[in-house]
């Protein structure tokens, strides 16, 4: 089994543990990365079906190359069955991130 999800699993991602797993690639000096990580941590605290996995891009260069991560933050969205639902590059707008998480974790606004 190859592809992006196999690479993510190699980084410790366990899709079966949550309805939606958001894997965030970041770098140490990236301001938008810190903001996005804080937003995801808040969402994770209020949405039990969400898992957030933070990956330091500089420490995982092989995965960065294999997944074609060109900027940070880059987010990968994986469902419980291990399917890649999508990815985004750059900091997502707060309402877009919340809507995406809610659509996949069963939370109703």
Protein backbone atom coordinates (compact mmCIF):
# COMPACT_ATOMS: atom_id res chain seq x y z
CA UNK A 1 0.00 0.00 0.00
CA UNK A 2 1.58 3.24 -1.16
CA UNK A 3 0.51 6.80 -1.60
CA UNK A 4 0.06 9.74 0.72
CA UNK A 5 -1.82 7.89 3.45
CA UNK A 6 0.93 5.28 3.72
CA UNK A 7 3.47 8.09 4.17
CA UNK A 8 1.27 9.71 6.81
CA UNK A 9 0.84 6.40 8.65
CA UNK A 10 4.63 6.15 8.69
CA UNK A 11 4.60 9.40 10.68
CA UNK A 12 2.36 7.89 13.35
CA UNK A 13 -1.03 8.84 11.93
CA UNK A 14 -3.73 6.37 13.00
CA UNK A 15 -6.88 7.12 10.97
CA UNK A 16 -9.02 4.52 12.75
CA UNK A 17 -8.73 6.49 16.00
CA UNK A 18 -10.94 9.40 14.84
CA UNK A 19 -13.65 10.36 12.37
CA UNK A 20 -11.25 12.92 10.89
CA UNK A 21 -7.50 13.22 11.32
CA UNK A 22 -5.88 16.49 10.30
CA UNK A 23 -2.13 16.18 9.74
CA UNK A 24 -0.37 19.54 9.83
CA UNK A 25 3.12 20.06 8.39
CA UNK A 26 4.75 23.11 9.98
CA UNK A 27 8.09 24.79 10.49
CA UNK A 28 9.39 26.37 13.68
CA UNK A 29 9.30 30.00 12.58
CA UNK A 30 5.98 29.92 10.71
CA UNK A 31 3.46 32.29 12.33
CA UNK A 32 0.46 30.98 10.37
CA UNK A 33 1.48 27.46 11.45
CA UNK A 34 1.20 28.40 15.12
CA UNK A 35 -2.20 30.01 14.55
CA UNK A 36 -3.48 27.00 12.63
CA UNK A 37 -2.17 24.58 15.26
CA UNK A 38 -3.88 26.54 18.06
CA UNK A 39 -7.15 26.55 16.09
CA UNK A 40 -6.93 22.79 15.52
CA UNK A 41 -6.14 22.15 19.18
CA UNK A 42 -9.23 24.16 20.16
CA UNK A 43 -11.37 22.26 17.65
CA UNK A 44 -9.98 18.95 18.92
CA UNK A 45 -10.92 19.89 22.49
CA UNK A 46 -14.53 20.57 21.46
CA UNK A 47 -15.00 17.86 18.80
CA UNK A 48 -14.34 14.33 20.04
CA UNK A 49 -14.22 12.90 16.50
CA UNK A 50 -11.20 15.02 15.53
CA UNK A 51 -7.55 14.05 15.83
CA UNK A 52 -4.76 16.53 15.09
CA UNK A 53 -1.24 15.37 14.30
CA UNK A 54 1.53 17.94 14.09
CA UNK A 55 4.58 17.14 11.94
CA UNK A 56 7.75 19.23 11.99
CA UNK A 57 8.50 19.52 8.27
CA UNK A 58 12.21 20.15 8.83
CA UNK A 59 12.56 16.87 10.76
CA UNK A 60 10.72 14.81 8.13
CA UNK A 61 12.22 15.96 4.82
CA UNK A 62 11.69 12.61 3.06
CA UNK A 63 7.94 12.78 3.78
CA UNK A 64 7.86 16.45 2.75
CA UNK A 65 9.40 15.55 -0.60
CA UNK A 66 7.22 12.48 -1.13
CA UNK A 67 4.03 14.42 -0.30
CA UNK A 68 5.13 17.48 -2.29
CA UNK A 69 4.73 19.86 0.67
CA UNK A 70 5.87 23.22 -0.73
CA UNK A 71 4.74 25.62 1.97
CA UNK A 72 3.66 25.58 5.57
CA UNK A 73 1.25 25.02 6.98
CA UNK A 74 0.11 22.20 4.73
CA UNK A 75 -2.81 20.16 6.02
CA UNK A 76 -3.88 16.64 5.02
CA UNK A 77 -7.39 15.43 5.87
CA UNK A 78 -7.83 11.67 6.42
CA UNK A 79 -11.06 9.86 7.29
CA UNK A 80 -11.52 6.93 9.68
CA UNK A 81 -11.14 4.41 6.82
CA UNK A 82 -7.75 5.86 5.91
CA UNK A 83 -8.89 7.70 2.79
CA UNK A 84 -7.28 11.01 1.93
CA UNK A 85 -10.17 13.48 1.76
CA UNK A 86 -8.03 16.38 0.63
CA UNK A 87 -5.21 18.73 1.44
CA UNK A 88 -4.67 22.45 1.73
CA UNK A 89 -1.63 24.71 1.67
CA UNK A 90 -1.37 27.89 3.69
CA UNK A 91 -3.40 28.83 6.72
CA UNK A 92 -7.09 28.03 6.20
CA UNK A 93 -9.65 30.66 7.15
CA UNK A 94 -11.09 29.85 10.59
CA UNK A 95 -14.66 29.39 9.35
CA UNK A 96 -13.53 27.12 6.49
CA UNK A 97 -11.52 24.91 8.84
CA UNK A 98 -14.38 24.71 11.33
CA UNK A 99 -16.89 23.85 8.58
CA UNK A 100 -14.62 21.12 7.17
CA UNK A 101 -14.05 19.58 10.61
CA UNK A 102 -17.75 19.73 11.49
CA UNK A 103 -18.73 18.12 8.16
CA UNK A 104 -16.57 15.09 8.95
CA UNK A 105 -16.99 14.75 12.71
CA UNK A 106 -20.77 14.81 12.81
CA UNK A 107 -20.97 18.07 14.80
CA UNK A 108 -23.98 20.24 14.06
CA UNK A 109 -23.72 23.99 14.48
